[in-house]
Amino acid sequence: MSATNFWLFLAAAFLIAAIPGPGIFYVAARTLSEGRAGGFASTAGTALGGLVHVVAGSLGISAIILASAELFAVVKFVGALYLVWLGIRTFRSADRMLSLESEPVGDKRAFRDGVLVEALNPKTAAFFLAFIPQFLDPASNLTLQFIVLGAISVTLNTLADVVVVLMASATRAQLIGRPHLMRRLTQGSGLFIAGLGLTLAMTRRPTHV
């Protein structure tokens, strides 16, 4: 890849990472409901889920899924249902915040949720397949280039998520001594996560990638 192409890619990937998207909103909602540790665990999970799409894209697996209406629908609805379930679980956990029944979700579960949420999002696969090939040099190893550029893109997205986690956890810290407000905040986070699932369910398969 030429230096010009690389710097163009880096600038475009940086701008895309800085624009708030579903991933950032998801991480923010998890942080507000579960705290900084849960937010960082979710961020690590979504990063790994993003790398799954990078590898799948480089091997042509993502293209197969996007080309098949049936496969796209299965992945889309599984991911959407998982998000809705997470949202409902988060909303219901708010009812236990004022009692001794409240238990932390756990960093391992938050990490696992992050991986599954991102890996089951076909919109991420479509993005990588539409964005990265524009900067590839056909004279070099396409698979290696795709993986390297994809990893850079995931890294930039993860850094943006880290900033969001720090901001959301600071907001949460200001409300931690007000349990009724925290309960409402957690309920709102649950509704928002479920809303992301509904939005994903209505996503149409891209006709051109």
C-alpha atoms as a PDB file:
ATOM      1  CA  MET A   1       0.000   0.000   0.000  1.00  0.00           C
ATOM      2  CA  SER A   2       1.257   3.463  -0.847  1.00  0.00           C
ATOM      3  CA  ALA A   3       1.883   5.976   1.920  1.00  0.00           C
ATOM      4  CA  THR A   4      -0.786   8.242   0.462  1.00  0.00           C
ATOM      5  CA  ASN A   5      -3.428   5.513   0.604  1.00  0.00           C
ATOM      6  CA  PHE A   6      -2.446   4.615   4.157  1.00  0.00           C
ATOM      7  CA  TRP A   7      -2.725   8.194   5.447  1.00  0.00           C
ATOM      8  CA  LEU A   8      -6.023   8.666   3.641  1.00  0.00           C
ATOM      9  CA  PHE A   9      -7.299   5.508   5.288  1.00  0.00           C
ATOM     10  CA  LEU A  10      -6.049   6.600   8.715  1.00  0.00           C
ATOM     11  CA  ALA A  11      -7.734   9.997   8.414  1.00  0.00           C
ATOM     12  CA  ALA A  12     -11.029   8.446   7.265  1.00  0.00           C
ATOM     13  CA  ALA A  13     -10.941   5.748   9.962  1.00  0.00           C
ATOM     14  CA  PHE A  14     -10.240   8.371  12.635  1.00  0.00           C
ATOM     15  CA  LEU A  15     -13.197  10.498  11.546  1.00  0.00           C
ATOM     16  CA  ILE A  16     -15.503   7.475  11.468  1.00  0.00           C
ATOM     17  CA  ALA A  17     -14.354   6.402  14.946  1.00  0.00           C
ATOM     18  CA  ALA A  18     -15.041   9.899  16.301  1.00  0.00           C
ATOM     19  CA  ILE A  19     -18.621   9.933  15.000  1.00  0.00           C
ATOM     20  CA  PRO A  20     -21.026   8.512  17.613  1.00  0.00           C
ATOM     21  CA  GLY A  21     -22.573   5.260  16.442  1.00  0.00           C
ATOM     22  CA  PRO A  22     -24.493   2.287  17.895  1.00  0.00           C
ATOM     23  CA  GLY A  23     -21.321   0.782  19.376  1.00  0.00           C
ATOM     24  CA  ILE A  24     -20.505   3.926  21.325  1.00  0.00           C
ATOM     25  CA  PHE A  25     -24.086   4.252  22.567  1.00  0.00           C
ATOM     26  CA  TYR A  26     -24.104   0.595  23.627  1.00  0.00           C
ATOM     27  CA  VAL A  27     -20.883   0.962  25.629  1.00  0.00           C
ATOM     28  CA  ALA A  28     -22.156   4.191  27.205  1.00  0.00           C
ATOM     29  CA  ALA A  29     -25.402   2.509  28.269  1.00  0.00           C
ATOM     30  CA  ARG A  30     -23.557  -0.445  29.807  1.00  0.00           C
ATOM     31  CA  THR A  31     -21.215   1.911  31.666  1.00  0.00           C
ATOM     32  CA  LEU A  32     -24.075   3.994  33.051  1.00  0.00           C
ATOM     33  CA  SER A  33     -25.859   0.894  34.302  1.00  0.00           C
ATOM     34  CA  GLU A  34     -22.882  -1.166  35.501  1.00  0.00           C
ATOM     35  CA  GLY A  35     -19.978   1.198  36.130  1.00  0.00           C
ATOM     36  CA  ARG A  36     -16.500   1.741  34.732  1.00  0.00           C
ATOM     37  CA  ALA A  37     -15.357  -1.890  35.029  1.00  0.00           C
ATOM     38  CA  GLY A  38     -18.418  -3.115  33.148  1.00  0.00           C
ATOM     39  CA  GLY A  39     -17.893  -0.429  30.523  1.00  0.00           C
ATOM     40  CA  PHE A  40     -14.266  -1.398  29.941  1.00  0.00           C
ATOM     41  CA  ALA A  41     -15.210  -5.091  29.801  1.00  0.00           C
ATOM     42  CA  SER A  42     -17.915  -4.292  27.235  1.00  0.00           C
ATOM     43  CA  THR A  43     -15.400  -2.251  25.229  1.00  0.00           C
ATOM     44  CA  ALA A  44     -12.925  -5.124  25.181  1.00  0.00           C
ATOM     45  CA  GLY A  45     -15.726  -7.430  24.075  1.00  0.00           C
ATOM     46  CA  THR A  46     -16.882  -5.223  21.225  1.00  0.00           C
ATOM     47  CA  ALA A  47     -13.244  -4.879  20.109  1.00  0.00           C
ATOM     48  CA  LEU A  48     -12.884  -8.654  19.885  1.00  0.00           C
ATOM     49  CA  GLY A  49     -16.231  -8.856  18.119  1.00  0.00           C
ATOM     50  CA  GLY A  50     -14.977  -6.271  15.628  1.00  0.00           C
ATOM     51  CA  LEU A  51     -11.869  -8.355  14.967  1.00  0.00           C
ATOM     52  CA  VAL A  52     -14.132 -11.330  14.243  1.00  0.00           C
ATOM     53  CA  HIS A  53     -15.652  -9.286  11.409  1.00  0.00           C
ATOM     54  CA  VAL A  54     -12.196  -8.276  10.184  1.00  0.00           C
ATOM     55  CA  VAL A  55     -11.054 -11.884   9.910  1.00  0.00           C
ATOM     56  CA  ALA A  56     -14.392 -12.980   8.420  1.00  0.00           C
ATOM     57  CA  GLY A  57     -14.182 -10.173   5.876  1.00  0.00           C
ATOM     58  CA  SER A  58     -10.636 -11.038   4.880  1.00  0.00           C
ATOM     59  CA  LEU A  59     -11.616 -14.689   4.323  1.00  0.00           C
ATOM     60  CA  GLY A  60     -14.744 -13.861   2.332  1.00  0.00           C
ATOM     61  CA  ILE A  61     -17.150 -15.189   4.974  1.00  0.00           C
ATOM     62  CA  SER A  62     -18.822 -11.814   5.502  1.00  0.00           C
ATOM     63  CA  ALA A  63     -19.397 -11.440   1.757  1.00  0.00           C
ATOM     64  CA  ILE A  64     -21.184 -14.804   1.705  1.00  0.00           C
ATOM     65  CA  ILE A  65     -23.454 -13.779   4.593  1.00  0.00           C
ATOM     66  CA  LEU A  66     -24.279 -10.427   3.031  1.00  0.00           C
ATOM     67  CA  ALA A  67     -24.961 -12.046  -0.339  1.00  0.00           C
ATOM     68  CA  SER A  68     -27.510 -14.433   1.169  1.00  0.00           C
ATOM     69  CA  ALA A  69     -30.812 -12.901   2.269  1.00  0.00           C
ATOM     70  CA  GLU A  70     -31.462 -15.918   4.510  1.00  0.00           C
ATOM     71  CA  LEU A  71     -28.077 -15.881   6.267  1.00  0.00           C
ATOM     72  CA  PHE A  72     -28.220 -12.110   6.691  1.00  0.00           C
ATOM     73  CA  ALA A  73     -31.686 -12.352   8.249  1.00  0.00           C
ATOM     74  CA  VAL A  74     -30.622 -15.108  10.662  1.00  0.00           C
ATOM     75  CA  VAL A  75     -27.537 -13.217  11.890  1.00  0.00           C
ATOM     76  CA  LYS A  76     -29.468  -9.949  12.068  1.00  0.00           C
ATOM     77  CA  PHE A  77     -32.387 -11.302  14.088  1.00  0.00           C
ATOM     78  CA  VAL A  78     -30.196 -13.326  16.453  1.00  0.00           C
ATOM     79  CA  GLY A  79     -28.162 -10.189  17.162  1.00  0.00           C
ATOM     80  CA  ALA A  80     -31.314  -8.084  17.537  1.00  0.00           C
ATOM     81  CA  LEU A  81     -32.951 -10.547  19.924  1.00  0.00           C
ATOM     82  CA  TYR A  82     -29.778 -10.707  22.002  1.00  0.00           C
ATOM     83  CA  LEU A  83     -29.703  -6.919  22.321  1.00  0.00           C
ATOM     84  CA  VAL A  84     -33.392  -6.791  23.273  1.00  0.00           C
ATOM     85  CA  TRP A  85     -32.800  -9.497  25.882  1.00  0.00           C
ATOM     86  CA  LEU A  86     -29.842  -7.555  27.297  1.00  0.00           C
ATOM     87  CA  GLY A  87     -31.979  -4.430  27.445  1.00  0.00           C
ATOM     88  CA  ILE A  88     -34.780  -6.207  29.286  1.00  0.00           C
ATOM     89  CA  ARG A  89     -32.301  -7.752  31.705  1.00  0.00           C
ATOM     90  CA  THR A  90     -30.728  -4.370  32.388  1.00  0.00           C
ATOM     91  CA  PHE A  91     -34.141  -2.749  32.881  1.00  0.00           C
ATOM     92  CA  ARG A  92     -35.245  -5.444  35.321  1.00  0.00           C
ATOM     93  CA  SER A  93     -31.996  -5.197  37.280  1.00  0.00           C
ATOM     94  CA  ALA A  94     -32.945  -1.609  38.174  1.00  0.00           C
ATOM     95  CA  ASP A  95     -35.793  -2.940  40.323  1.00  0.00           C
ATOM     96  CA  ARG A  96     -33.236  -4.610  42.595  1.00  0.00           C
ATOM     97  CA  MET A  97     -30.968  -1.597  42.978  1.00  0.00           C
ATOM     98  CA  LEU A  98     -32.770  -0.372  46.089  1.00  0.00           C
ATOM     99  CA  SER A  99     -32.731  -3.771  47.768  1.00  0.00           C
ATOM    100  CA  LEU A 100     -30.181  -6.295  48.972  1.00  0.00           C
ATOM    101  CA  GLU A 101     -30.940  -8.436  45.940  1.00  0.00           C
ATOM    102  CA  SER A 102     -28.807  -6.253  43.680  1.00  0.00           C
ATOM    103  CA  GLU A 103     -25.819  -8.079  42.217  1.00  0.00           C
ATOM    104  CA  PRO A 104     -23.196  -6.825  39.781  1.00  0.00           C
ATOM    105  CA  VAL A 105     -23.454  -8.214  36.287  1.00  0.00           C
ATOM    106  CA  GLY A 106     -19.779  -9.184  36.295  1.00  0.00           C
ATOM    107  CA  ASP A 107     -16.944  -8.226  33.982  1.00  0.00           C
ATOM    108  CA  LYS A 108     -16.823 -11.646  32.306  1.00  0.00           C
ATOM    109  CA  ARG A 109     -20.473 -11.465  31.349  1.00  0.00           C
ATOM    110  CA  ALA A 110     -20.103  -7.864  30.161  1.00  0.00           C
ATOM    111  CA  PHE A 111     -17.133  -8.936  28.035  1.00  0.00           C
ATOM    112  CA  ARG A 112     -19.046 -11.880  26.586  1.00  0.00           C
ATOM    113  CA  ASP A 113     -22.052  -9.694  25.848  1.00  0.00           C
ATOM    114  CA  GLY A 114     -19.817  -7.206  24.043  1.00  0.00           C
ATOM    115  CA  VAL A 115     -18.302  -9.916  21.860  1.00  0.00           C
ATOM    116  CA  LEU A 116     -21.676 -11.374  20.898  1.00  0.00           C
ATOM    117  CA  VAL A 117     -23.364  -8.009  20.318  1.00  0.00           C
ATOM    118  CA  GLU A 118     -20.653  -6.893  17.901  1.00  0.00           C
ATOM    119  CA  ALA A 119     -20.017 -10.251  16.225  1.00  0.00           C
ATOM    120  CA  LEU A 120     -23.754 -10.735  15.545  1.00  0.00           C
ATOM    121  CA  ASN A 121     -24.143  -7.306  13.953  1.00  0.00           C
ATOM    122  CA  PRO A 122     -24.120  -7.705  10.142  1.00  0.00           C
ATOM    123  CA  LYS A 123     -23.967  -3.915   9.776  1.00  0.00           C
ATOM    124  CA  THR A 124     -20.370  -4.075  11.023  1.00  0.00           C
ATOM    125  CA  ALA A 125     -19.542  -6.690   8.393  1.00  0.00           C
ATOM    126  CA  ALA A 126     -21.097  -4.523   5.691  1.00  0.00           C
ATOM    127  CA  PHE A 127     -19.112  -1.506   6.874  1.00  0.00           C
ATOM    128  CA  PHE A 128     -15.753  -3.261   6.689  1.00  0.00           C
ATOM    129  CA  LEU A 129     -16.512  -4.718   3.255  1.00  0.00           C
ATOM    130  CA  ALA A 130     -17.569  -1.324   1.917  1.00  0.00           C
ATOM    131  CA  PHE A 131     -14.868   0.781   3.570  1.00  0.00           C
ATOM    132  CA  ILE A 132     -11.572  -1.110   3.621  1.00  0.00           C
ATOM    133  CA  PRO A 133     -11.364  -2.352  -0.034  1.00  0.00           C
ATOM    134  CA  GLN A 134     -11.200   1.271  -1.218  1.00  0.00           C
ATOM    135  CA  PHE A 135      -7.671   1.517   0.204  1.00  0.00           C
ATOM    136  CA  LEU A 136      -6.245  -1.865  -0.793  1.00  0.00           C
ATOM    137  CA  ASP A 137      -3.407  -2.239  -3.269  1.00  0.00           C
ATOM    138  CA  PRO A 138      -4.322  -5.060  -5.711  1.00  0.00           C
ATOM    139  CA  ALA A 139      -0.628  -5.701  -6.345  1.00  0.00           C
ATOM    140  CA  SER A 140      -0.036  -6.786  -2.728  1.00  0.00           C
ATOM    141  CA  ASN A 141      -1.463  -9.427  -0.396  1.00  0.00           C
ATOM    142  CA  LEU A 142      -5.139  -8.422  -0.123  1.00  0.00           C
ATOM    143  CA  THR A 143      -5.905 -10.642   2.869  1.00  0.00           C
ATOM    144  CA  LEU A 144      -3.024  -9.252   4.919  1.00  0.00           C
ATOM    145  CA  GLN A 145      -3.877  -5.673   3.970  1.00  0.00           C
ATOM    146  CA  PHE A 146      -7.528  -6.184   4.932  1.00  0.00           C
ATOM    147  CA  ILE A 147      -6.591  -7.614   8.340  1.00  0.00           C
ATOM    148  CA  VAL A 148      -4.068  -4.845   9.095  1.00  0.00           C
ATOM    149  CA  LEU A 149      -6.406  -2.009   8.096  1.00  0.00           C
ATOM    150  CA  GLY A 150      -9.321  -3.673   9.859  1.00  0.00           C
ATOM    151  CA  ALA A 151      -7.292  -4.027  13.058  1.00  0.00           C
ATOM    152  CA  ILE A 152      -6.347  -0.346  12.893  1.00  0.00           C
ATOM    153  CA  SER A 153      -9.991   0.619  12.430  1.00  0.00           C
ATOM    154  CA  VAL A 154     -11.050  -1.542  15.399  1.00  0.00           C
ATOM    155  CA  THR A 155      -8.290   0.006  17.529  1.00  0.00           C
ATOM    156  CA  LEU A 156      -9.447   3.540  16.740  1.00  0.00           C
ATOM    157  CA  ASN A 157     -13.051   2.600  17.493  1.00  0.00           C
ATOM    158  CA  THR A 158     -11.951   1.055  20.790  1.00  0.00           C
ATOM    159  CA  LEU A 159     -10.052   4.197  21.804  1.00  0.00           C
ATOM    160  CA  ALA A 160     -13.214   6.213  21.163  1.00  0.00           C
ATOM    161  CA  ASP A 161     -15.164   3.742  23.312  1.00  0.00           C
ATOM    162  CA  VAL A 162     -12.627   4.138  26.129  1.00  0.00           C
ATOM    163  CA  VAL A 163     -13.181   7.892  26.128  1.00  0.00           C
ATOM    164  CA  VAL A 164     -16.934   7.315  26.278  1.00  0.00           C
ATOM    165  CA  VAL A 165     -16.535   4.895  29.195  1.00  0.00           C
ATOM    166  CA  LEU A 166     -14.542   7.478  31.159  1.00  0.00           C
ATOM    167  CA  MET A 167     -17.129  10.173  30.493  1.00  0.00           C
ATOM    168  CA  ALA A 168     -20.097   7.922  31.295  1.00  0.00           C
ATOM    169  CA  SER A 169     -18.496   6.591  34.477  1.00  0.00           C
ATOM    170  CA  ALA A 170     -17.833  10.155  35.660  1.00  0.00           C
ATOM    171  CA  THR A 171     -21.526  10.938  35.156  1.00  0.00           C
ATOM    172  CA  ARG A 172     -22.483   7.770  37.014  1.00  0.00           C
ATOM    173  CA  ALA A 173     -20.183   8.636  39.930  1.00  0.00           C
ATOM    174  CA  GLN A 174     -22.071  11.882  40.448  1.00  0.00           C
ATOM    175  CA  LEU A 175     -25.352   9.978  40.797  1.00  0.00           C
ATOM    176  CA  ILE A 176     -24.173   6.929  42.747  1.00  0.00           C
ATOM    177  CA  GLY A 177     -25.314   8.435  46.046  1.00  0.00           C
ATOM    178  CA  ARG A 178     -28.818   8.956  44.692  1.00  0.00           C
ATOM    179  CA  PRO A 179     -30.253   5.437  44.329  1.00  0.00           C
ATOM    180  CA  HIS A 180     -33.616   6.496  42.901  1.00  0.00           C
ATOM    181  CA  LEU A 181     -31.921   8.440  40.102  1.00  0.00           C
ATOM    182  CA  MET A 182     -29.546   5.524  39.523  1.00  0.00           C
ATOM    183  CA  ARG A 183     -32.558   3.247  39.207  1.00  0.00           C
ATOM    184  CA  ARG A 184     -34.056   5.505  36.545  1.00  0.00           C
ATOM    185  CA  LEU A 185     -30.708   5.738  34.778  1.00  0.00           C
ATOM    186  CA  THR A 186     -30.391   1.964  34.689  1.00  0.00           C
ATOM    187  CA  GLN A 187     -33.918   1.602  33.375  1.00  0.00           C
ATOM    188  CA  GLY A 188     -33.179   4.163  30.679  1.00  0.00           C
ATOM    189  CA  SER A 189     -30.007   2.303  29.732  1.00  0.00           C
ATOM    190  CA  GLY A 190     -31.980  -0.925  29.418  1.00  0.00           C
ATOM    191  CA  LEU A 191     -34.576   0.681  27.200  1.00  0.00           C
ATOM    192  CA  PHE A 192     -31.848   2.189  25.031  1.00  0.00           C
ATOM    193  CA  ILE A 193     -30.051  -1.150  24.577  1.00  0.00           C
ATOM    194  CA  ALA A 194     -33.355  -2.817  23.666  1.00  0.00           C
ATOM    195  CA  GLY A 195     -33.977   0.032  21.218  1.00  0.00           C
ATOM    196  CA  LEU A 196     -30.653  -0.703  19.531  1.00  0.00           C
ATOM    197  CA  GLY A 197     -31.872  -4.265  19.077  1.00  0.00           C
ATOM    198  CA  LEU A 198     -35.113  -3.119  17.469  1.00  0.00           C
ATOM    199  CA  THR A 199     -33.161  -0.802  15.174  1.00  0.00           C
ATOM    200  CA  LEU A 200     -30.921  -3.681  14.127  1.00  0.00           C
ATOM    201  CA  ALA A 201     -33.960  -5.857  13.435  1.00  0.00           C
ATOM    202  CA  MET A 202     -35.229  -3.277  10.928  1.00  0.00           C
ATOM    203  CA  THR A 203     -31.904  -3.072   9.080  1.00  0.00           C
ATOM    204  CA  ARG A 204     -32.103  -3.981   5.414  1.00  0.00           C
ATOM    205  CA  ARG A 205     -29.525  -6.081   3.643  1.00  0.00           C
ATOM    206  CA  PRO A 206     -27.204  -3.882   1.554  1.00  0.00           C
ATOM    207  CA  THR A 207     -27.638  -4.504  -2.141  1.00  0.00           C
ATOM    208  CA  HIS A 208     -24.124  -3.334  -3.037  1.00  0.00           C
ATOM    209  CA  VAL A 209     -21.027  -3.845  -0.896  1.00  0.00           C
END
